[in-house]
Amino acid sequence: MGTDGIGRDVFARVLWGARTSLTIMAIGAFLALVVGFPLGLLSGYVGGKIDRVLVLVMDSIYAFPGLLLAALIAVVIGRGVFNIGIAITVIYVPLYFRVTRGQTLSTREELFVEAARALGARARTIMISYIAFSVVIVIPVIFSLSAADTILTAAGLSYLGYGLEIDIPGDWGRDLSDAQRFLTAGYWWPSLFPGLMIIILTVGLSFLGEGLNDIINPLLRKERS
């Protein structure tokens, strides 16, 4: 893969960048799941004022441009792998919330939930033992798709200069930004390989989500075949 404009090994930086990107992806997607799933479950089952407040908050966050919101949070809390993961978490919590809430609204009207209520089961027991296990089946698909989007968001933040510190090697977005000024001189490989890795990882995670969707919903697999 050669070296970049200041003599750094592109291959080594691409490998290290994969580690950094996967770490940010794991932090962002996992924390968004941990926060968004319980809130969506609670909002969809309880309803009332709690539901209205949570929907208002989540819709407000969802309506805000994700990359801009992540950049603002990164400026406030500072840079670093964990901080960037937190900044990305905020913009994906509404995604898990909306999906979980929608599934909960339909599941809470099922006959087995009504039977549990008739037998005197507590609301917490119904949410955890009955509804949660029926709703969680859609989460792996959402997780893989949001993980792919997390890679793009993290690279976009670094490209704009709001990502990791400059002393952290292998930041794909920053490498793309730094390589721009060398394109006019004919040095195309420093920008090609980081961009190619972003594409491969993003497309791979998207394909993983599609595969999980086919496994979870066999009817979709039959329709496509």
Protein backbone atom coordinates (compact mmCIF):
# COMPACT_ATOMS: atom_id res chain seq x y z
CA MET A 1 0.00 0.00 0.00
CA GLY A 2 3.01 2.29 0.06
CA THR A 3 3.47 5.31 2.30
CA ASP A 4 1.57 8.55 2.69
CA GLY A 5 2.74 12.06 1.96
CA ILE A 6 4.94 12.27 5.05
CA GLY A 7 6.37 8.75 4.88
CA ARG A 8 4.02 6.82 7.18
CA ASP A 9 3.17 3.23 6.26
CA VAL A 10 -0.39 3.12 4.88
CA PHE A 11 -0.88 -0.60 5.57
CA ALA A 12 0.00 -0.26 9.25
CA ARG A 13 -2.30 2.74 9.64
CA VAL A 14 -5.17 0.91 7.91
CA LEU A 15 -4.78 -2.06 10.26
CA TRP A 16 -4.66 0.14 13.34
CA GLY A 17 -7.58 2.13 12.04
CA ALA A 18 -9.67 -1.04 11.86
CA ARG A 19 -9.08 -1.59 15.56
CA THR A 20 -10.01 2.00 16.37
CA SER A 21 -13.13 1.98 14.19
CA LEU A 22 -14.38 -1.33 15.60
CA THR A 23 -13.86 -0.07 19.15
CA ILE A 24 -15.89 3.08 18.48
CA MET A 25 -18.53 1.00 16.72
CA ALA A 26 -18.82 -1.38 19.68
CA ILE A 27 -19.14 1.47 22.19
CA GLY A 28 -21.63 3.48 20.16
CA ALA A 29 -23.92 0.67 19.01
CA PHE A 30 -23.87 -1.26 22.30
CA LEU A 31 -24.58 1.73 24.54
CA ALA A 32 -27.35 2.87 22.19
CA LEU A 33 -28.89 -0.60 22.51
CA VAL A 34 -28.55 -0.63 26.31
CA VAL A 35 -30.28 2.76 26.60
CA GLY A 36 -32.77 2.68 23.73
CA PHE A 37 -34.19 -0.82 24.18
CA PRO A 38 -35.37 -0.49 27.82
CA LEU A 39 -36.75 3.00 27.20
CA GLY A 40 -38.68 1.82 24.16
CA LEU A 41 -40.00 -1.17 26.09
CA LEU A 42 -41.13 1.02 28.98
CA SER A 43 -42.66 3.67 26.75
CA GLY A 44 -44.56 1.21 24.59
CA TYR A 45 -45.98 -0.79 27.47
CA VAL A 46 -46.75 1.90 30.06
CA GLY A 47 -47.98 4.63 27.71
CA GLY A 48 -49.50 7.80 29.12
CA LYS A 49 -47.38 10.81 30.05
CA ILE A 50 -44.17 8.80 30.19
CA ASP A 51 -44.71 7.68 26.61
CA ARG A 52 -45.48 11.19 25.39
CA VAL A 53 -42.42 12.70 27.06
CA LEU A 54 -40.05 10.00 25.81
CA VAL A 55 -41.46 10.16 22.28
CA LEU A 56 -41.05 13.95 22.27
CA VAL A 57 -37.43 13.73 23.43
CA MET A 58 -36.50 10.94 21.03
CA ASP A 59 -38.21 12.58 18.06
CA SER A 60 -36.37 15.83 18.82
CA ILE A 61 -33.02 14.02 18.81
CA TYR A 62 -33.95 12.02 15.70
CA ALA A 63 -34.95 15.17 13.80
CA PHE A 64 -31.56 16.78 14.44
CA PRO A 65 -28.89 16.03 11.80
CA GLY A 66 -26.95 13.12 13.24
CA LEU A 67 -23.45 14.09 12.17
CA LEU A 68 -23.91 17.67 13.37
CA LEU A 69 -25.28 16.51 16.73
CA ALA A 70 -22.39 14.09 17.20
CA ALA A 71 -19.92 16.88 16.36
CA LEU A 72 -21.51 19.21 18.92
CA ILE A 73 -21.38 16.53 21.62
CA ALA A 74 -17.76 15.72 20.75
CA VAL A 75 -16.84 19.39 21.12
CA VAL A 76 -18.52 19.54 24.55
CA ILE A 77 -17.20 16.31 26.09
CA GLY A 78 -13.86 16.24 24.27
CA ARG A 79 -12.11 13.85 21.94
CA GLY A 80 -10.95 10.29 22.50
CA VAL A 81 -12.21 6.85 21.51
CA PHE A 82 -14.68 6.55 24.38
CA ASN A 83 -15.94 10.12 24.05
CA ILE A 84 -16.55 9.73 20.33
CA GLY A 85 -18.39 6.49 21.09
CA ILE A 86 -20.60 8.38 23.56
CA ALA A 87 -21.25 11.15 21.03
CA ILE A 88 -22.33 8.56 18.46
CA THR A 89 -24.46 6.74 21.04
CA VAL A 90 -26.77 9.72 21.47
CA ILE A 91 -27.79 9.85 17.82
CA TYR A 92 -28.65 6.12 17.65
CA VAL A 93 -30.64 5.78 20.88
CA PRO A 94 -33.83 7.06 19.13
CA LEU A 95 -33.47 4.34 16.48
CA TYR A 96 -33.59 1.53 19.05
CA PHE A 97 -36.28 3.36 20.97
CA ARG A 98 -38.60 3.76 17.99
CA VAL A 99 -38.22 0.17 16.80
CA THR A 100 -38.65 -1.30 20.30
CA ARG A 101 -41.62 0.92 21.09
CA GLY A 102 -43.38 0.02 17.85
CA GLN A 103 -42.91 -3.70 18.44
CA THR A 104 -44.02 -3.36 22.07
CA LEU A 105 -47.22 -1.53 21.11
CA SER A 106 -48.27 -4.44 18.92
CA THR A 107 -47.03 -7.20 21.23
CA ARG A 108 -48.76 -5.91 24.36
CA GLU A 109 -52.14 -6.61 22.74
CA GLU A 110 -51.35 -10.27 22.04
CA LEU A 111 -53.39 -12.99 23.75
CA PHE A 112 -50.48 -14.39 25.76
CA VAL A 113 -49.91 -10.95 27.31
CA GLU A 114 -53.61 -10.66 28.14
CA ALA A 115 -53.45 -14.12 29.71
CA ALA A 116 -50.47 -13.07 31.84
CA ARG A 117 -52.39 -10.01 33.06
CA ALA A 118 -55.42 -12.19 33.85
CA LEU A 119 -53.22 -14.49 35.94
CA GLY A 120 -52.06 -11.52 37.99
CA ALA A 121 -48.52 -11.07 36.61
CA ARG A 122 -46.84 -7.79 37.50
CA ALA A 123 -46.14 -5.19 34.85
CA ARG A 124 -42.36 -5.63 35.24
CA THR A 125 -42.70 -9.40 34.85
CA ILE A 126 -44.82 -9.00 31.73
CA MET A 127 -42.37 -6.55 30.15
CA ILE A 128 -39.28 -8.63 30.88
CA SER A 129 -40.52 -12.22 30.64
CA TYR A 130 -43.13 -11.90 27.90
CA ILE A 131 -42.79 -8.77 25.77
CA ALA A 132 -39.00 -8.27 25.84
CA PHE A 133 -38.24 -11.75 24.53
CA SER A 134 -40.72 -11.27 21.70
CA VAL A 135 -39.38 -7.84 20.76
CA VAL A 136 -35.65 -8.58 21.05
CA ILE A 137 -35.76 -10.72 17.90
CA VAL A 138 -35.58 -7.59 15.71
CA ILE A 139 -32.63 -6.09 17.59
CA PRO A 140 -29.78 -8.02 15.87
CA VAL A 141 -30.80 -6.60 12.49
CA ILE A 142 -31.02 -3.05 13.84
CA PHE A 143 -27.72 -3.51 15.66
CA SER A 144 -25.80 -4.56 12.55
CA LEU A 145 -27.27 -1.75 10.43
CA SER A 146 -26.61 0.89 13.07
CA ALA A 147 -23.08 -0.47 13.51
CA ALA A 148 -22.45 0.09 9.81
CA ASP A 149 -23.74 3.65 10.09
CA THR A 150 -21.55 4.17 13.16
CA ILE A 151 -18.43 3.53 11.06
CA LEU A 152 -19.49 6.22 8.60
CA THR A 153 -20.34 8.69 11.36
CA ALA A 154 -17.02 8.19 13.14
CA ALA A 155 -15.13 8.63 9.86
CA GLY A 156 -17.17 11.73 9.06
CA LEU A 157 -16.36 13.29 12.43
CA SER A 158 -12.64 12.68 11.93
CA TYR A 159 -12.79 13.97 8.36
CA LEU A 160 -14.32 17.23 9.62
CA GLY A 161 -11.75 17.51 12.39
CA TYR A 162 -14.01 16.60 15.33
CA GLY A 163 -12.83 13.02 15.76
CA LEU A 164 -9.91 11.49 17.63
CA GLU A 165 -6.80 13.24 18.86
CA ILE A 166 -4.05 13.68 16.32
CA ASP A 167 -1.71 11.44 18.32
CA ILE A 168 -4.00 8.39 17.85
CA PRO A 169 -2.72 6.62 14.70
CA GLY A 170 -4.86 5.02 12.03
CA ASP A 171 -7.94 7.23 12.08
CA TRP A 172 -9.46 6.50 8.66
CA GLY A 173 -11.43 9.74 8.44
CA ARG A 174 -8.44 11.90 9.34
CA ASP A 175 -6.23 9.93 6.94
CA LEU A 176 -8.68 10.71 4.15
CA SER A 177 -8.66 14.38 5.09
CA ASP A 178 -4.85 14.52 5.27
CA ALA A 179 -4.45 12.71 1.93
CA GLN A 180 -6.55 15.23 0.01
CA ARG A 181 -3.74 17.70 -0.48
CA PHE A 182 -1.57 15.03 -2.11
CA LEU A 183 -4.12 14.01 -4.76
CA THR A 184 -3.15 16.82 -7.10
CA ALA A 185 0.44 15.56 -7.02
CA GLY A 186 -0.65 12.08 -8.13
CA TYR A 187 -0.45 10.35 -4.74
CA TRP A 188 -3.78 8.50 -4.81
CA TRP A 189 -3.08 5.47 -2.60
CA PRO A 190 -3.04 7.26 0.81
CA SER A 191 -6.70 8.17 0.29
CA LEU A 192 -7.76 5.02 -1.60
CA PHE A 193 -7.09 2.38 1.03
CA PRO A 194 -8.66 4.06 4.10
CA GLY A 195 -11.72 4.88 2.02
CA LEU A 196 -11.83 1.35 0.66
CA MET A 197 -11.71 -0.08 4.19
CA ILE A 198 -14.60 2.15 5.25
CA ILE A 199 -16.64 0.87 2.30
CA ILE A 200 -15.77 -2.80 2.91
CA LEU A 201 -16.58 -2.67 6.62
CA THR A 202 -19.80 -0.72 6.11
CA VAL A 203 -21.07 -2.92 3.28
CA GLY A 204 -20.07 -6.06 5.20
CA LEU A 205 -22.06 -5.02 8.26
CA SER A 206 -25.03 -4.12 6.03
CA PHE A 207 -24.91 -7.56 4.41
CA LEU A 208 -24.74 -9.08 7.89
CA GLY A 209 -27.93 -7.23 8.78
CA GLU A 210 -29.65 -8.48 5.62
CA GLY A 211 -28.56 -12.04 6.38
CA LEU A 212 -29.84 -11.84 9.93
CA ASN A 213 -33.12 -10.48 8.62
CA ASP A 214 -33.46 -13.47 6.31
CA ILE A 215 -32.72 -15.86 9.16
CA ILE A 216 -35.13 -14.19 11.55
CA ASN A 217 -37.88 -13.78 8.91
CA PRO A 218 -37.96 -16.92 6.74
CA LEU A 219 -40.91 -15.51 4.77
CA LEU A 220 -38.67 -12.79 3.33
CA ARG A 221 -36.19 -15.44 2.19
CA LYS A 222 -38.95 -17.34 0.40
CA GLU A 223 -40.22 -14.18 -1.32
CA ARG A 224 -36.72 -13.30 -2.62
CA SER A 225 -36.10 -16.82 -3.88
